[in-house]
């Protein structure tokens, strides 16, 4: 692989021009950290058929290594480019995150020299290396749940000259031995902020994480932890990360047609189920309302919202100018989603920046403005 110093500097210049950097040390980190070292043994790129084409590390071009895009490094919790000689179907389960997003999150977390930082989700180790360069490796603790991913990240960090404290384990548990931390930053999505993170964050410290169970409906949340252990904060924008491994919804087993055969209710709705998949605020509100649910599109069955853990479903079928929605199971999924979305519409369709979260003895309480119809526990 050729020297890519000029490509690193060019990427840093583009991110600077886009206003991504909040502090000069993050630009210097992007200029210094060789991203190509964190792409071993290779990456997967999508082909025209939707499959994933393996690109071994020695064939990764400078343009690809320093493109401002996410580069998939693992499929289906196991496969790397060493395992497949040609394009395959699969689900990405580890990647090198978009550099602009990483740099933006470092700035929004307010990470500065002198802070102790816990990173949840080492991944390839690229974001870990940026933090090591910016605040020093002794200040960084990083946790990765996948042993193979963790090993490759440690090797890459060592090759790049960084030796942070690396842990193989479930990041949802944090790492109390090195706490309390000034900042906790997660590079995976969670359905709910773990109490362990709050307990391991010192007073005045910040937790920055993606909250949501759907890739197209998640939001970036910044929480500040108070002296009494409570936390409050707001959403900074829409974003997308892979789900924390322990919180990935179980696959919908069996015949989906049989699962939806017995409905407890059957009615019409003028809200399109497309809001579940198109992203934006409706999808954000929906996935917060029915966390753990999955949206499935099946031939002959239409769109189906399924909560396999609670045994509930909502099936949508076209009915002239409206939609027919059939619901079954202990939770009327669409009733809950529809009520939340209609309340949001009635409030003037505020953006995600209006959503606040407070975590206390009362629970996890979300609110949009002061109206009681847009205040709920999760």
Protein backbone atom coordinates (compact mmCIF):
# COMPACT_ATOMS: atom_id res chain seq x y z
CA UNK A 1 0.00 0.00 0.00
CA UNK A 2 1.49 3.34 -1.02
CA UNK A 3 2.12 6.28 1.32
CA UNK A 4 -1.13 8.17 1.79
CA UNK A 5 0.05 11.28 3.66
CA UNK A 6 -1.25 13.65 1.00
CA UNK A 7 -4.65 11.91 1.02
CA UNK A 8 -4.89 12.28 4.81
CA UNK A 9 -4.15 15.98 4.57
CA UNK A 10 -6.63 16.39 1.74
CA UNK A 11 -9.36 14.68 3.78
CA UNK A 12 -8.59 16.89 6.76
CA UNK A 13 -8.76 19.98 4.54
CA UNK A 14 -12.17 18.92 3.19
CA UNK A 15 -13.52 18.34 6.69
CA UNK A 16 -12.11 21.68 7.82
CA UNK A 17 -13.78 23.39 4.89
CA UNK A 18 -17.06 21.76 5.86
CA UNK A 19 -16.76 23.15 9.39
CA UNK A 20 -16.50 19.73 11.03
CA UNK A 21 -13.63 20.46 13.41
CA UNK A 22 -14.40 22.28 16.65
CA UNK A 23 -10.81 22.14 17.91
CA UNK A 24 -7.53 22.17 15.93
CA UNK A 25 -6.28 18.95 17.56
CA UNK A 26 -8.92 16.94 15.72
CA UNK A 27 -7.74 18.25 12.36
CA UNK A 28 -4.19 17.36 13.33
CA UNK A 29 -5.38 13.89 14.35
CA UNK A 30 -7.04 13.27 10.97
CA UNK A 31 -3.87 14.46 9.24
CA UNK A 32 -1.73 12.12 11.34
CA UNK A 33 -3.69 8.87 11.77
CA UNK A 34 -3.26 6.45 8.82
CA UNK A 35 -6.80 5.18 8.24
CA UNK A 36 -5.51 2.50 5.85
CA UNK A 37 -3.93 0.64 8.80
CA UNK A 38 -7.40 0.21 10.26
CA UNK A 39 -8.86 -1.41 7.15
CA UNK A 40 -7.11 -4.77 7.47
CA UNK A 41 -7.67 -7.42 6.20
CA UNK A 42 -9.85 -5.48 3.77
CA UNK A 43 -13.24 -3.90 3.20
CA UNK A 44 -16.51 -4.76 1.51
CA UNK A 45 -18.04 -2.43 -1.05
CA UNK A 46 -21.55 -2.82 -2.50
CA UNK A 47 -21.87 -3.94 -6.10
CA UNK A 48 -24.68 -3.28 -8.57
CA UNK A 49 -26.68 -6.30 -7.36
CA UNK A 50 -26.66 -5.28 -3.70
CA UNK A 51 -24.09 -7.88 -2.73
CA UNK A 52 -20.82 -7.07 -0.95
CA UNK A 53 -17.61 -7.25 -2.97
CA UNK A 54 -14.41 -7.95 -0.99
CA UNK A 55 -11.49 -5.59 -1.49
CA UNK A 56 -8.32 -6.92 0.22
CA UNK A 57 -6.18 -4.42 2.10
CA UNK A 58 -3.43 -4.43 -0.53
CA UNK A 59 -5.96 -3.38 -3.17
CA UNK A 60 -7.52 -0.50 -1.26
CA UNK A 61 -6.83 2.68 -3.20
CA UNK A 62 -6.00 6.02 -1.56
CA UNK A 63 -9.28 7.39 -2.89
CA UNK A 64 -11.23 4.63 -1.14
CA UNK A 65 -9.26 4.73 2.12
CA UNK A 66 -9.75 8.48 2.46
CA UNK A 67 -13.25 8.80 1.10
CA UNK A 68 -15.64 10.31 3.59
CA UNK A 69 -17.77 7.21 3.78
CA UNK A 70 -18.31 4.22 6.03
CA UNK A 71 -16.25 1.21 4.96
CA UNK A 72 -17.65 -2.18 5.94
CA UNK A 73 -15.07 -4.56 7.42
CA UNK A 74 -17.23 -7.45 8.65
CA UNK A 75 -20.46 -9.19 7.60
CA UNK A 76 -22.83 -11.32 9.66
CA UNK A 77 -20.76 -11.10 12.88
CA UNK A 78 -17.94 -13.16 11.39
CA UNK A 79 -17.01 -12.78 7.72
CA UNK A 80 -14.02 -10.70 6.66
CA UNK A 81 -12.51 -10.35 3.19
CA UNK A 82 -10.18 -13.24 4.01
CA UNK A 83 -13.19 -15.56 4.14
CA UNK A 84 -14.84 -14.80 0.78
CA UNK A 85 -13.25 -14.75 -2.70
CA UNK A 86 -16.17 -13.04 -4.43
CA UNK A 87 -19.24 -10.89 -3.81
CA UNK A 88 -21.68 -12.24 -1.20
CA UNK A 89 -24.95 -11.34 0.44
CA UNK A 90 -24.72 -10.30 4.06
CA UNK A 91 -25.46 -7.79 6.78
CA UNK A 92 -22.71 -5.36 7.86
CA UNK A 93 -21.72 -5.88 11.51
CA UNK A 94 -18.53 -3.82 11.78
CA UNK A 95 -17.13 -0.90 9.84
CA UNK A 96 -14.80 2.07 9.77
CA UNK A 97 -17.21 4.94 10.42
CA UNK A 98 -17.51 7.99 8.17
CA UNK A 99 -14.52 10.21 9.16
CA UNK A 100 -16.59 13.41 9.18
CA UNK A 101 -19.09 11.80 11.56
CA UNK A 102 -16.33 10.62 13.89
CA UNK A 103 -14.71 14.06 13.98
CA UNK A 104 -18.09 15.72 14.49
CA UNK A 105 -18.88 13.42 17.43
CA UNK A 106 -15.52 14.10 19.08
CA UNK A 107 -16.33 17.79 18.92
CA UNK A 108 -19.91 17.39 20.15
CA UNK A 109 -18.74 15.25 23.05
CA UNK A 110 -16.45 18.13 24.05
CA UNK A 111 -13.43 15.86 24.47
CA UNK A 112 -10.35 17.81 25.57
CA UNK A 113 -6.86 17.01 26.82
CA UNK A 114 -7.08 16.17 30.51
CA UNK A 115 -10.31 14.21 30.10
CA UNK A 116 -10.64 10.48 30.74
CA UNK A 117 -12.68 8.94 27.95
CA UNK A 118 -14.51 5.63 27.61
CA UNK A 119 -15.31 4.55 24.06
CA UNK A 120 -18.08 2.00 23.57
CA UNK A 121 -17.40 0.03 20.39
CA UNK A 122 -13.76 0.01 19.30
CA UNK A 123 -14.62 -1.25 15.82
CA UNK A 124 -11.60 -0.91 13.56
CA UNK A 125 -9.86 1.34 16.08
CA UNK A 126 -9.73 4.40 13.81
CA UNK A 127 -11.80 6.63 16.09
CA UNK A 128 -9.80 5.31 19.06
CA UNK A 129 -6.59 6.35 17.32
CA UNK A 130 -7.95 9.85 16.68
CA UNK A 131 -8.67 10.22 20.39
CA UNK A 132 -5.27 8.83 21.33
CA UNK A 133 -3.62 11.42 19.11
CA UNK A 134 -5.79 14.22 20.42
CA UNK A 135 -5.67 13.61 24.20
CA UNK A 136 -3.06 10.88 24.69
CA UNK A 137 -3.50 7.08 24.76
CA UNK A 138 -3.36 6.81 28.57
CA UNK A 139 -6.59 8.82 28.77
CA UNK A 140 -8.51 6.47 26.47
CA UNK A 141 -10.30 3.24 27.40
CA UNK A 142 -12.10 1.40 24.61
CA UNK A 143 -14.42 -1.63 24.77
CA UNK A 144 -15.27 -4.01 21.92
CA UNK A 145 -17.66 -6.96 22.24
CA UNK A 146 -16.39 -8.99 19.26
CA UNK A 147 -13.08 -10.76 20.06
CA UNK A 148 -11.97 -10.89 16.42
CA UNK A 149 -12.74 -7.22 15.83
CA UNK A 150 -11.01 -6.33 19.10
CA UNK A 151 -7.88 -8.25 18.15
CA UNK A 152 -7.65 -6.59 14.74
CA UNK A 153 -8.16 -3.17 16.32
CA UNK A 154 -5.40 -3.75 18.89
CA UNK A 155 -3.02 -4.83 16.14
CA UNK A 156 -3.85 -1.76 14.04
CA UNK A 157 -3.51 0.60 17.01
CA UNK A 158 -0.13 -0.90 17.83
CA UNK A 159 1.01 -0.60 14.22
CA UNK A 160 -0.01 3.07 14.28
CA UNK A 161 1.91 3.64 17.52
CA UNK A 162 -1.03 3.97 19.94
CA UNK A 163 -1.52 1.87 23.07
CA UNK A 164 -4.80 2.81 24.81
CA UNK A 165 -6.44 0.59 27.42
CA UNK A 166 -8.35 -1.96 25.33
CA UNK A 167 -11.06 -4.23 26.70
CA UNK A 168 -12.87 -7.14 25.08
CA UNK A 169 -16.36 -7.27 26.55
CA UNK A 170 -19.88 -5.91 26.32
CA UNK A 171 -19.72 -2.14 26.17
CA UNK A 172 -23.23 -1.86 27.62
CA UNK A 173 -21.56 -2.69 30.95
CA UNK A 174 -18.95 0.02 30.50
CA UNK A 175 -15.65 -0.50 32.31
CA UNK A 176 -15.91 0.66 35.94
CA UNK A 177 -12.32 -0.22 36.83
CA UNK A 178 -11.02 2.86 34.98
CA UNK A 179 -13.86 5.21 35.88
CA UNK A 180 -15.22 7.67 36.59
CA UNK A 181 -14.96 9.13 33.11
CA UNK A 182 -15.31 12.68 31.91
CA UNK A 183 -16.73 11.54 28.61
CA UNK A 184 -18.37 8.36 27.34
CA UNK A 185 -18.78 8.15 23.58
CA UNK A 186 -20.55 5.26 21.84
CA UNK A 187 -20.04 4.19 18.25
CA UNK A 188 -23.04 1.88 18.32
CA UNK A 189 -26.75 2.53 18.75
CA UNK A 190 -28.67 1.64 21.91
CA UNK A 191 -32.41 1.42 22.58
CA UNK A 192 -31.99 2.95 26.02
CA UNK A 193 -29.05 4.63 27.75
CA UNK A 194 -27.57 2.03 30.13
CA UNK A 195 -27.55 3.04 33.80
CA UNK A 196 -24.01 1.65 33.98
CA UNK A 197 -22.78 4.46 31.72
CA UNK A 198 -24.32 7.12 33.93
CA UNK A 199 -22.85 5.56 37.09
CA UNK A 200 -19.40 5.52 35.49
CA UNK A 201 -19.55 9.18 34.40
CA UNK A 202 -18.36 11.81 36.86
CA UNK A 203 -20.50 14.83 37.80
CA UNK A 204 -20.59 17.26 34.89
CA UNK A 205 -19.46 14.52 32.53
CA UNK A 206 -21.03 13.85 29.15
CA UNK A 207 -22.44 10.75 27.49
CA UNK A 208 -22.74 10.95 23.70
CA UNK A 209 -24.57 8.09 22.01
CA UNK A 210 -26.89 7.18 19.18
CA UNK A 211 -30.31 6.30 20.53
CA UNK A 212 -32.65 4.17 18.48
CA UNK A 213 -33.39 0.68 17.28
CA UNK A 214 -33.80 1.43 13.55
CA UNK A 215 -30.93 2.67 11.35
CA UNK A 216 -33.22 5.21 9.66
CA UNK A 217 -34.86 6.46 12.85
CA UNK A 218 -32.03 7.03 15.34
CA UNK A 219 -30.80 10.29 16.84
CA UNK A 220 -27.54 11.53 18.32
CA UNK A 221 -28.03 12.25 22.04
CA UNK A 222 -25.82 14.30 24.35
CA UNK A 223 -26.47 13.86 28.08
CA UNK A 224 -24.86 15.68 31.00
CA UNK A 225 -24.63 13.77 34.28
CA UNK A 226 -25.49 15.70 37.46
CA UNK A 227 -24.08 15.49 41.01
CA UNK A 228 -26.99 13.27 42.11
CA UNK A 229 -26.52 10.83 39.23
CA UNK A 230 -29.46 12.12 37.18
CA UNK A 231 -28.82 13.11 33.58
CA UNK A 232 -30.48 15.36 31.06
CA UNK A 233 -29.81 16.43 27.54
CA UNK A 234 -31.09 16.79 24.03
CA UNK A 235 -30.83 15.27 20.60
CA UNK A 236 -28.37 16.95 18.27
CA UNK A 237 -29.52 15.49 14.96
CA UNK A 238 -30.35 12.33 13.06
CA UNK A 239 -27.60 9.76 12.71
CA UNK A 240 -27.10 6.05 12.12
CA UNK A 241 -24.93 3.39 13.76
CA UNK A 242 -25.09 -0.37 13.99
CA UNK A 243 -27.06 -1.66 16.95
CA UNK A 244 -25.23 -2.81 20.07
CA UNK A 245 -24.90 -6.58 19.64
CA UNK A 246 -26.87 -7.43 22.79
CA UNK A 247 -29.79 -5.27 21.62
CA UNK A 248 -30.17 -6.52 18.06
CA UNK A 249 -33.79 -7.72 17.76
CA UNK A 250 -34.13 -11.49 17.39
CA UNK A 251 -34.96 -12.72 13.89
CA UNK A 252 -38.62 -13.20 13.13
CA UNK A 253 -38.86 -16.98 13.15
CA UNK A 254 -41.41 -19.10 11.37
CA UNK A 255 -43.98 -18.23 8.74
CA UNK A 256 -44.78 -14.51 8.78
CA UNK A 257 -48.13 -15.24 7.16
CA UNK A 258 -49.04 -17.55 10.03
CA UNK A 259 -47.84 -15.00 12.56
CA UNK A 260 -50.20 -12.35 11.11
CA UNK A 261 -53.16 -14.67 10.49
CA UNK A 262 -54.87 -13.97 13.82
CA UNK A 263 -55.56 -10.25 14.31
CA UNK A 264 -57.19 -8.72 17.36
CA UNK A 265 -58.24 -5.58 15.49
CA UNK A 266 -58.73 -4.47 11.90
CA UNK A 267 -59.22 -0.82 10.98
CA UNK A 268 -58.15 1.87 8.55
CA UNK A 269 -55.59 4.64 8.93
CA UNK A 270 -54.65 7.57 6.74
CA UNK A 271 -51.08 7.52 8.03
CA UNK A 272 -48.90 5.67 5.54
CA UNK A 273 -46.62 2.90 6.85
CA UNK A 274 -43.92 4.46 4.67
CA UNK A 275 -43.17 6.75 7.61
CA UNK A 276 -41.61 3.71 9.27
CA UNK A 277 -38.91 3.39 6.62
CA UNK A 278 -38.40 6.88 5.20
CA UNK A 279 -36.50 8.25 8.17
CA UNK A 280 -36.86 11.67 9.76
CA UNK A 281 -38.97 12.54 12.76
CA UNK A 282 -41.86 10.09 12.19
CA UNK A 283 -39.45 7.14 12.09
CA UNK A 284 -37.55 8.56 15.08
CA UNK A 285 -40.75 8.80 17.12
CA UNK A 286 -41.93 5.36 15.97
CA UNK A 287 -38.78 3.51 16.99
CA UNK A 288 -38.75 5.25 20.38
CA UNK A 289 -42.39 4.29 20.88
CA UNK A 290 -42.02 0.62 19.94
CA UNK A 291 -38.33 -0.22 20.58
CA UNK A 292 -37.32 -3.69 19.52
CA UNK A 293 -39.75 -3.76 16.61
CA UNK A 294 -38.74 -4.50 13.04
CA UNK A 295 -40.24 -3.41 9.73
CA UNK A 296 -40.56 -6.22 7.20
CA UNK A 297 -41.80 -5.99 3.62
CA UNK A 298 -43.01 -9.35 2.36
CA UNK A 299 -44.56 -10.34 -0.95
CA UNK A 300 -48.30 -10.85 -0.53
CA UNK A 301 -48.26 -9.57 3.04
CA UNK A 302 -47.47 -5.89 2.50
CA UNK A 303 -45.59 -4.01 5.19
CA UNK A 304 -45.50 -5.63 8.63
CA UNK A 305 -44.30 -4.07 11.89
CA UNK A 306 -43.23 -6.96 14.14
CA UNK A 307 -42.13 -7.09 17.75
CA UNK A 308 -40.84 -10.64 18.07
CA UNK A 309 -39.95 -10.20 21.73
CA UNK A 310 -43.49 -9.22 22.73
CA UNK A 311 -45.29 -11.30 20.13
CA UNK A 312 -47.09 -8.35 18.52
CA UNK A 313 -47.56 -7.21 14.92
CA UNK A 314 -49.21 -4.55 12.80
CA UNK A 315 -49.84 -5.44 9.14
CA UNK A 316 -50.58 -2.76 6.53
CA UNK A 317 -52.57 -3.43 3.37
CA UNK A 318 -53.59 -0.86 0.77
CA UNK A 319 -57.28 0.14 0.95
CA UNK A 320 -58.12 2.69 -1.79
CA UNK A 321 -56.85 6.06 -0.53
CA UNK A 322 -56.15 4.83 2.99
CA UNK A 323 -54.47 1.87 4.62
CA UNK A 324 -55.94 -1.12 6.36
CA UNK A 325 -54.04 -2.01 9.52
CA UNK A 326 -54.45 -5.39 11.22
CA UNK A 327 -52.97 -5.69 14.72
CA UNK A 328 -52.38 -8.66 16.97
CA UNK A 329 -50.60 -9.57 20.18
CA UNK A 330 -50.45 -8.00 23.63
CA UNK A 331 -49.35 -4.56 22.34
CA UNK A 332 -51.27 -2.57 19.70
CA UNK A 333 -48.08 -1.34 18.03
CA UNK A 334 -49.67 0.96 15.46
CA UNK A 335 -52.08 2.54 17.96
CA UNK A 336 -49.10 3.68 20.01
CA UNK A 337 -47.09 4.92 17.01
CA UNK A 338 -50.06 6.69 15.43
CA UNK A 339 -50.89 8.54 18.67
CA UNK A 340 -47.31 9.78 19.03
CA UNK A 341 -47.01 10.89 15.40
CA UNK A 342 -50.37 12.71 15.46
CA UNK A 343 -49.39 14.55 18.64
CA UNK A 344 -46.15 15.60 16.95
CA UNK A 345 -48.05 16.81 13.87
CA UNK A 346 -50.45 18.79 16.07
CA UNK A 347 -47.47 20.44 17.79
CA UNK A 348 -46.26 21.85 14.45
CA UNK A 349 -43.86 19.06 13.43
CA UNK A 350 -40.82 20.20 15.47
CA UNK A 351 -37.39 18.89 14.53
CA UNK A 352 -35.31 16.40 16.46
CA UNK A 353 -33.42 19.22 18.19
CA UNK A 354 -36.58 19.93 20.19
CA UNK A 355 -36.54 16.49 21.84
CA UNK A 356 -35.13 16.35 25.37
CA UNK A 357 -34.46 13.40 27.66
CA UNK A 358 -34.21 13.39 31.43
CA UNK A 359 -33.09 10.29 33.34
CA UNK A 360 -33.91 10.19 37.03
CA UNK A 361 -35.72 8.08 39.63
CA UNK A 362 -38.85 8.80 37.59
CA UNK A 363 -37.36 6.86 34.68
CA UNK A 364 -36.33 7.87 31.17
CA UNK A 365 -38.68 10.73 30.31
CA UNK A 366 -38.81 12.27 26.84
CA UNK A 367 -40.51 15.52 26.05
CA UNK A 368 -41.03 17.86 23.13
CA UNK A 369 -41.99 21.26 24.46
CA UNK A 370 -44.32 21.49 27.44
CA UNK A 371 -47.39 19.70 26.09
CA UNK A 372 -48.42 16.55 28.01
CA UNK A 373 -49.22 14.72 24.76
CA UNK A 374 -45.53 14.81 23.83
CA UNK A 375 -44.12 13.66 27.14
CA UNK A 376 -43.57 9.95 27.62
CA UNK A 377 -41.54 7.35 29.48
CA UNK A 378 -39.42 4.75 27.75
